[in-house]
């Protein structure tokens, strides 16, 4: 017995109109937008700049991958 689904909520559409399911615990695009916005509005001490920068790059890459 097998099941098929035409629409999976939380899936990422790719360029071929197929849905790629999110990895468990992966943030969706709205959650990524919220985090990036919160970081943009925050202030950080000098010692936090590099780790925050590296984290933002990862968040941005995930956002761009999902926004395709």
N, C-alpha and C. Protein backbone atom coordinates (compact mmCIF):
# COMPACT_ATOMS: atom_id res chain seq x y z
N UNK A 1 0.84 -1.16 0.00
CA UNK A 1 0.00 0.00 0.00
C UNK A 1 0.90 1.24 0.00
N UNK A 2 0.59 2.21 -0.81
CA UNK A 2 1.37 3.43 -0.84
C UNK A 2 0.44 4.63 -0.89
N UNK A 3 0.98 5.76 -0.52
CA UNK A 3 0.22 7.00 -0.50
C UNK A 3 0.95 8.02 -1.34
N UNK A 4 0.23 8.92 -1.95
CA UNK A 4 0.83 10.03 -2.68
C UNK A 4 0.16 11.31 -2.21
N UNK A 5 0.88 12.39 -2.33
CA UNK A 5 0.35 13.70 -1.95
C UNK A 5 0.67 14.70 -3.04
N UNK A 6 -0.31 15.47 -3.42
CA UNK A 6 -0.09 16.50 -4.42
C UNK A 6 0.42 17.79 -3.80
N UNK A 7 0.08 18.02 -2.55
CA UNK A 7 0.52 19.24 -1.88
C UNK A 7 0.96 18.86 -0.47
N UNK A 8 2.18 19.27 -0.13
CA UNK A 8 2.70 19.02 1.21
C UNK A 8 2.96 20.37 1.85
N UNK A 9 2.24 20.67 2.92
CA UNK A 9 2.43 21.95 3.59
C UNK A 9 3.81 21.99 4.22
N UNK A 10 4.48 23.12 4.06
CA UNK A 10 5.83 23.24 4.58
C UNK A 10 6.87 22.75 3.59
N UNK A 11 6.45 22.44 2.38
CA UNK A 11 7.38 21.98 1.36
C UNK A 11 7.91 23.17 0.58
N UNK A 12 9.07 22.98 -0.01
CA UNK A 12 9.71 24.03 -0.78
C UNK A 12 9.49 23.73 -2.26
N UNK A 13 8.81 24.61 -3.01
CA UNK A 13 8.67 24.35 -4.44
C UNK A 13 10.01 24.57 -5.13
N UNK A 14 10.35 23.69 -6.07
CA UNK A 14 11.59 23.90 -6.82
C UNK A 14 11.24 24.37 -8.22
N UNK A 15 12.24 24.51 -9.06
CA UNK A 15 12.02 25.06 -10.39
C UNK A 15 11.19 24.17 -11.30
N UNK A 16 11.01 22.90 -10.95
CA UNK A 16 10.26 21.96 -11.79
C UNK A 16 8.85 21.75 -11.26
N UNK A 17 8.36 22.66 -10.43
CA UNK A 17 7.02 22.60 -9.86
C UNK A 17 6.78 21.35 -9.03
N UNK A 18 7.82 20.80 -8.46
CA UNK A 18 7.69 19.69 -7.52
C UNK A 18 7.96 20.25 -6.14
N UNK A 19 7.44 19.59 -5.13
CA UNK A 19 7.66 20.05 -3.76
C UNK A 19 8.75 19.22 -3.11
N UNK A 20 9.71 19.90 -2.49
CA UNK A 20 10.76 19.25 -1.74
C UNK A 20 10.42 19.45 -0.27
N UNK A 21 10.17 18.38 0.49
CA UNK A 21 9.79 18.57 1.89
C UNK A 21 10.93 19.17 2.71
N UNK A 22 10.56 19.96 3.70
CA UNK A 22 11.54 20.53 4.61
C UNK A 22 12.18 19.42 5.44
N UNK A 23 13.45 19.60 5.74
CA UNK A 23 14.13 18.70 6.65
C UNK A 23 13.52 18.92 8.03
N UNK A 24 13.31 17.85 8.83
CA UNK A 24 12.73 18.06 10.17
C UNK A 24 13.50 19.13 10.94
N UNK A 25 12.79 19.99 11.59
CA UNK A 25 13.32 21.11 12.38
C UNK A 25 13.96 22.21 11.53
N UNK A 26 13.85 22.15 10.21
CA UNK A 26 14.36 23.22 9.37
C UNK A 26 13.39 24.39 9.44
N UNK A 27 13.91 25.59 9.50
CA UNK A 27 13.07 26.78 9.56
C UNK A 27 12.42 27.03 8.20
N UNK A 28 11.16 27.46 8.22
CA UNK A 28 10.53 27.81 6.96
C UNK A 28 10.89 29.26 6.62
N UNK A 29 10.47 29.70 5.45
CA UNK A 29 10.89 31.01 4.96
C UNK A 29 10.39 32.15 5.86
N UNK A 30 9.19 32.03 6.41
CA UNK A 30 8.66 33.08 7.29
C UNK A 30 9.47 33.16 8.58
N UNK A 31 9.85 32.02 9.14
CA UNK A 31 10.67 31.99 10.35
C UNK A 31 12.04 32.60 10.09
N UNK A 32 12.61 32.32 8.92
CA UNK A 32 13.90 32.91 8.57
C UNK A 32 13.78 34.42 8.45
N UNK A 33 12.70 34.90 7.85
CA UNK A 33 12.48 36.35 7.72
C UNK A 33 12.40 37.01 9.09
N UNK A 34 11.70 36.38 10.04
CA UNK A 34 11.57 36.93 11.38
C UNK A 34 12.94 37.02 12.06
N UNK A 35 13.73 35.95 11.99
CA UNK A 35 15.04 35.97 12.62
C UNK A 35 15.96 37.02 12.01
N UNK A 36 15.99 37.08 10.69
CA UNK A 36 16.85 38.06 10.02
C UNK A 36 16.42 39.48 10.39
N UNK A 37 15.12 39.72 10.46
CA UNK A 37 14.61 41.03 10.84
C UNK A 37 14.99 41.39 12.28
N UNK A 38 14.86 40.42 13.19
CA UNK A 38 15.25 40.66 14.59
C UNK A 38 16.73 40.98 14.72
N UNK A 39 17.53 40.27 13.98
CA UNK A 39 18.98 40.52 14.02
C UNK A 39 19.28 41.91 13.47
N UNK A 40 18.59 42.29 12.38
CA UNK A 40 18.81 43.61 11.78
C UNK A 40 18.50 44.73 12.77
N UNK A 41 17.49 44.54 13.61
CA UNK A 41 17.06 45.57 14.55
C UNK A 41 17.85 45.58 15.86
N UNK A 42 18.76 44.62 16.03
CA UNK A 42 19.48 44.47 17.29
C UNK A 42 20.85 45.13 17.25
N UNK A 43 21.41 45.32 18.44
CA UNK A 43 22.79 45.80 18.55
C UNK A 43 23.60 44.73 19.26
N UNK A 44 24.86 44.62 18.90
CA UNK A 44 25.72 43.58 19.43
C UNK A 44 27.05 44.19 19.85
N UNK A 45 27.69 43.56 20.83
CA UNK A 45 29.01 44.02 21.24
C UNK A 45 30.05 43.53 20.22
N UNK A 46 31.20 44.12 20.25
CA UNK A 46 32.25 43.80 19.29
C UNK A 46 32.62 42.34 19.24
N UNK A 47 32.65 41.69 20.39
CA UNK A 47 33.05 40.28 20.43
C UNK A 47 32.01 39.36 19.79
N UNK A 48 30.78 39.84 19.63
CA UNK A 48 29.71 39.03 19.03
C UNK A 48 29.60 39.19 17.52
N UNK A 49 30.28 40.17 16.96
CA UNK A 49 30.08 40.50 15.55
C UNK A 49 30.41 39.33 14.62
N UNK A 50 31.56 38.71 14.78
CA UNK A 50 31.94 37.63 13.86
C UNK A 50 31.00 36.42 13.95
N UNK A 51 30.67 35.91 15.15
CA UNK A 51 29.72 34.79 15.19
C UNK A 51 28.34 35.16 14.63
N UNK A 52 27.88 36.37 14.89
CA UNK A 52 26.58 36.81 14.36
C UNK A 52 26.65 36.90 12.84
N UNK A 53 27.74 37.46 12.33
CA UNK A 53 27.92 37.57 10.89
C UNK A 53 27.87 36.19 10.23
N UNK A 54 28.58 35.22 10.79
CA UNK A 54 28.60 33.87 10.24
C UNK A 54 27.21 33.22 10.29
N UNK A 55 26.47 33.47 11.36
CA UNK A 55 25.12 32.93 11.48
C UNK A 55 24.18 33.58 10.45
N UNK A 56 24.30 34.87 10.26
CA UNK A 56 23.44 35.58 9.32
C UNK A 56 23.70 35.08 7.89
N UNK A 57 24.94 34.81 7.55
CA UNK A 57 25.26 34.27 6.23
C UNK A 57 24.53 32.94 6.03
N UNK A 58 24.54 32.07 7.04
CA UNK A 58 23.85 30.79 6.94
C UNK A 58 22.34 30.99 6.81
N UNK A 59 21.79 31.89 7.61
CA UNK A 59 20.35 32.17 7.52
C UNK A 59 19.99 32.72 6.14
N UNK A 60 20.81 33.62 5.65
CA UNK A 60 20.55 34.22 4.35
C UNK A 60 20.62 33.16 3.24
N UNK A 61 21.59 32.26 3.31
CA UNK A 61 21.70 31.20 2.31
C UNK A 61 20.49 30.29 2.33
N UNK A 62 20.01 29.95 3.53
CA UNK A 62 18.81 29.13 3.63
C UNK A 62 17.60 29.86 3.07
N UNK A 63 17.50 31.14 3.38
CA UNK A 63 16.39 31.94 2.87
C UNK A 63 16.41 31.98 1.34
N UNK A 64 17.57 32.26 0.76
CA UNK A 64 17.68 32.34 -0.69
C UNK A 64 17.38 31.00 -1.35
N UNK A 65 17.79 29.92 -0.74
CA UNK A 65 17.52 28.59 -1.28
C UNK A 65 16.01 28.30 -1.29
N UNK A 66 15.33 28.69 -0.24
CA UNK A 66 13.88 28.46 -0.17
C UNK A 66 13.08 29.42 -1.05
N UNK A 67 13.64 30.61 -1.29
CA UNK A 67 12.92 31.62 -2.07
C UNK A 67 13.01 31.37 -3.57
N UNK A 68 13.79 30.40 -4.00
CA UNK A 68 13.92 30.11 -5.44
C UNK A 68 12.59 29.72 -6.04
